[in-house]
C-alpha atoms as a PDB file:
ATOM      1  CA  UNK A   1     -70.213  16.129 -46.821  1.00  0.00           C
ATOM      2  CA  UNK A   2     -67.625  14.343 -47.406  1.00  0.00           C
ATOM      3  CA  UNK A   3     -66.491  13.218 -50.852  1.00  0.00           C
ATOM      4  CA  UNK A   4     -63.487  10.586 -51.696  1.00  0.00           C
ATOM      5  CA  UNK A   5     -61.733  10.176 -54.791  1.00  0.00           C
ATOM      6  CA  UNK A   6     -58.184   7.900 -55.861  1.00  0.00           C
ATOM      7  CA  UNK A   7     -58.274  10.932 -58.532  1.00  0.00           C
ATOM      8  CA  UNK A   8     -57.480  13.254 -55.651  1.00  0.00           C
ATOM      9  CA  UNK A   9     -53.782  13.523 -55.644  1.00  0.00           C
ATOM     10  CA  UNK A  10     -52.431  17.167 -54.729  1.00  0.00           C
ATOM     11  CA  UNK A  11     -53.751  18.591 -51.400  1.00  0.00           C
ATOM     12  CA  UNK A  12     -53.297  22.384 -53.130  1.00  0.00           C
ATOM     13  CA  UNK A  13     -53.306  23.937 -56.540  1.00  0.00           C
ATOM     14  CA  UNK A  14     -50.330  25.106 -55.775  1.00  0.00           C
ATOM     15  CA  UNK A  15     -48.950  21.664 -54.604  1.00  0.00           C
ATOM     16  CA  UNK A  16     -46.536  19.941 -57.159  1.00  0.00           C
ATOM     17  CA  UNK A  17     -47.181  17.331 -58.772  1.00  0.00           C
ATOM     18  CA  UNK A  18     -50.105  15.633 -61.195  1.00  0.00           C
ATOM     19  CA  UNK A  19     -53.558  15.364 -60.522  1.00  0.00           C
ATOM     20  CA  UNK A  20     -56.546  16.771 -58.895  1.00  0.00           C
ATOM     21  CA  UNK A  21     -55.918  18.779 -55.774  1.00  0.00           C
ATOM     22  CA  UNK A  22     -58.366  18.861 -52.523  1.00  0.00           C
ATOM     23  CA  UNK A  23     -58.254  22.251 -53.402  1.00  0.00           C
ATOM     24  CA  UNK A  24     -60.068  21.967 -56.679  1.00  0.00           C
ATOM     25  CA  UNK A  25     -62.221  19.572 -55.050  1.00  0.00           C
ATOM     26  CA  UNK A  26     -63.417  21.377 -52.115  1.00  0.00           C
ATOM     27  CA  UNK A  27     -64.205  24.663 -53.728  1.00  0.00           C
ATOM     28  CA  UNK A  28     -66.730  22.926 -56.814  1.00  0.00           C
ATOM     29  CA  UNK A  29     -68.245  20.987 -54.074  1.00  0.00           C
ATOM     30  CA  UNK A  30     -68.707  24.798 -51.613  1.00  0.00           C
ATOM     31  CA  UNK A  31     -69.611  26.702 -55.217  1.00  0.00           C
ATOM     32  CA  UNK A  32     -72.655  23.766 -55.667  1.00  0.00           C
ATOM     33  CA  UNK A  33     -73.743  23.046 -52.569  1.00  0.00           C
ATOM     34  CA  UNK A  34     -73.721  26.532 -51.392  1.00  0.00           C
ATOM     35  CA  UNK A  35     -76.772  27.990 -52.765  1.00  0.00           C
ATOM     36  CA  UNK A  36     -80.429  29.456 -51.680  1.00  0.00           C
ATOM     37  CA  UNK A  37     -83.234  27.768 -52.872  1.00  0.00           C
ATOM     38  CA  UNK A  38     -85.694  29.413 -54.288  1.00  0.00           C
ATOM     39  CA  UNK A  39     -88.842  28.145 -55.468  1.00  0.00           C
ATOM     40  CA  UNK A  40     -91.334  30.566 -57.548  1.00  0.00           C
ATOM     41  CA  UNK A  41     -94.440  29.585 -58.596  1.00  0.00           C
ATOM     42  CA  UNK A  42     -96.382  31.776 -61.859  1.00  0.00           C
ATOM     43  CA  UNK A  43     -99.281  31.315 -63.472  1.00  0.00           C
ATOM     44  CA  UNK A  44     -99.112  32.079 -67.248  1.00  0.00           C
ATOM     45  CA  UNK A  45    -101.205  32.223 -69.697  1.00  0.00           C
ATOM     46  CA  UNK A  46     -98.335  31.395 -72.374  1.00  0.00           C
ATOM     47  CA  UNK A  47     -97.000  27.603 -73.523  1.00  0.00           C
ATOM     48  CA  UNK A  48     -93.274  29.053 -72.855  1.00  0.00           C
ATOM     49  CA  UNK A  49     -90.595  25.600 -73.830  1.00  0.00           C
ATOM     50  CA  UNK A  50     -88.810  25.721 -69.675  1.00  0.00           C
ATOM     51  CA  UNK A  51     -86.199  22.558 -68.906  1.00  0.00           C
ATOM     52  CA  UNK A  52     -84.521  22.371 -66.588  1.00  0.00           C
ATOM     53  CA  UNK A  53     -80.905  22.893 -67.166  1.00  0.00           C
ATOM     54  CA  UNK A  54     -81.769  26.261 -68.250  1.00  0.00           C
ATOM     55  CA  UNK A  55     -80.942  29.784 -67.060  1.00  0.00           C
ATOM     56  CA  UNK A  56     -83.342  32.612 -66.675  1.00  0.00           C
ATOM     57  CA  UNK A  57     -83.106  36.062 -65.855  1.00  0.00           C
ATOM     58  CA  UNK A  58     -85.049  37.407 -62.669  1.00  0.00           C
ATOM     59  CA  UNK A  59     -85.731  40.676 -62.419  1.00  0.00           C
ATOM     60  CA  UNK A  60     -88.394  41.095 -59.125  1.00  0.00           C
ATOM     61  CA  UNK A  61     -85.822  42.422 -56.834  1.00  0.00           C
ATOM     62  CA  UNK A  62     -89.100  45.177 -55.654  1.00  0.00           C
ATOM     63  CA  UNK A  63     -91.484  42.534 -55.659  1.00  0.00           C
ATOM     64  CA  UNK A  64     -89.576  39.354 -54.942  1.00  0.00           C
ATOM     65  CA  UNK A  65     -87.133  40.513 -53.607  1.00  0.00           C
ATOM     66  CA  UNK A  66     -84.859  38.594 -56.707  1.00  0.00           C
ATOM     67  CA  UNK A  67     -82.288  39.712 -59.208  1.00  0.00           C
ATOM     68  CA  UNK A  68     -80.612  37.234 -60.413  1.00  0.00           C
ATOM     69  CA  UNK A  69     -79.346  34.839 -63.203  1.00  0.00           C
ATOM     70  CA  UNK A  70     -81.460  31.888 -61.801  1.00  0.00           C
ATOM     71  CA  UNK A  71     -81.032  27.821 -62.759  1.00  0.00           C
ATOM     72  CA  UNK A  72     -83.829  25.395 -63.847  1.00  0.00           C
ATOM     73  CA  UNK A  73     -84.390  22.653 -61.902  1.00  0.00           C
ATOM     74  CA  UNK A  74     -87.877  21.956 -61.810  1.00  0.00           C
ATOM     75  CA  UNK A  75     -91.110  22.092 -64.138  1.00  0.00           C
ATOM     76  CA  UNK A  76     -94.497  21.389 -63.483  1.00  0.00           C
ATOM     77  CA  UNK A  77     -97.485  22.348 -65.448  1.00  0.00           C
ATOM     78  CA  UNK A  78    -100.940  21.639 -64.634  1.00  0.00           C
ATOM     79  CA  UNK A  79    -103.572  22.236 -67.892  1.00  0.00           C
ATOM     80  CA  UNK A  80    -106.488  23.725 -66.514  1.00  0.00           C
ATOM     81  CA  UNK A  81    -109.953  22.589 -68.452  1.00  0.00           C
ATOM     82  CA  UNK A  82    -110.555  26.369 -69.379  1.00  0.00           C
ATOM     83  CA  UNK A  83    -107.124  26.136 -70.753  1.00  0.00           C
ATOM     84  CA  UNK A  84    -105.321  28.016 -68.105  1.00  0.00           C
ATOM     85  CA  UNK A  85    -101.705  26.566 -67.736  1.00  0.00           C
ATOM     86  CA  UNK A  86    -100.091  26.945 -64.695  1.00  0.00           C
ATOM     87  CA  UNK A  87     -96.519  26.501 -64.009  1.00  0.00           C
ATOM     88  CA  UNK A  88     -94.162  25.569 -60.679  1.00  0.00           C
ATOM     89  CA  UNK A  89     -91.015  26.339 -61.067  1.00  0.00           C
ATOM     90  CA  UNK A  90     -88.087  25.409 -58.794  1.00  0.00           C
ATOM     91  CA  UNK A  91     -85.503  27.919 -59.230  1.00  0.00           C
ATOM     92  CA  UNK A  92     -81.590  27.691 -57.750  1.00  0.00           C
ATOM     93  CA  UNK A  93     -79.712  30.951 -57.312  1.00  0.00           C
ATOM     94  CA  UNK A  94     -77.585  32.181 -55.629  1.00  0.00           C
ATOM     95  CA  UNK A  95     -73.912  30.698 -53.905  1.00  0.00           C
END
């Protein structure tokens, strides 16, 4: 992954001068890219309003191996003729 911007004017946060440091940009991208992608599918009879950008606390350490606050990246809903709602949610978590 490479990144280039004329706004990067310093090498380290401790370097003198103004502008964004390369170190700060690198730390930002490390946190954004060094994540575990978790796909969780659940079926619910409720029509909860779930959307991208929400944060959900998943307390499924025993059953799912996950016990974190996770960010909703994508949600797909399907509606069956019986009225059952299936929500397929992709979460981003870890770090």
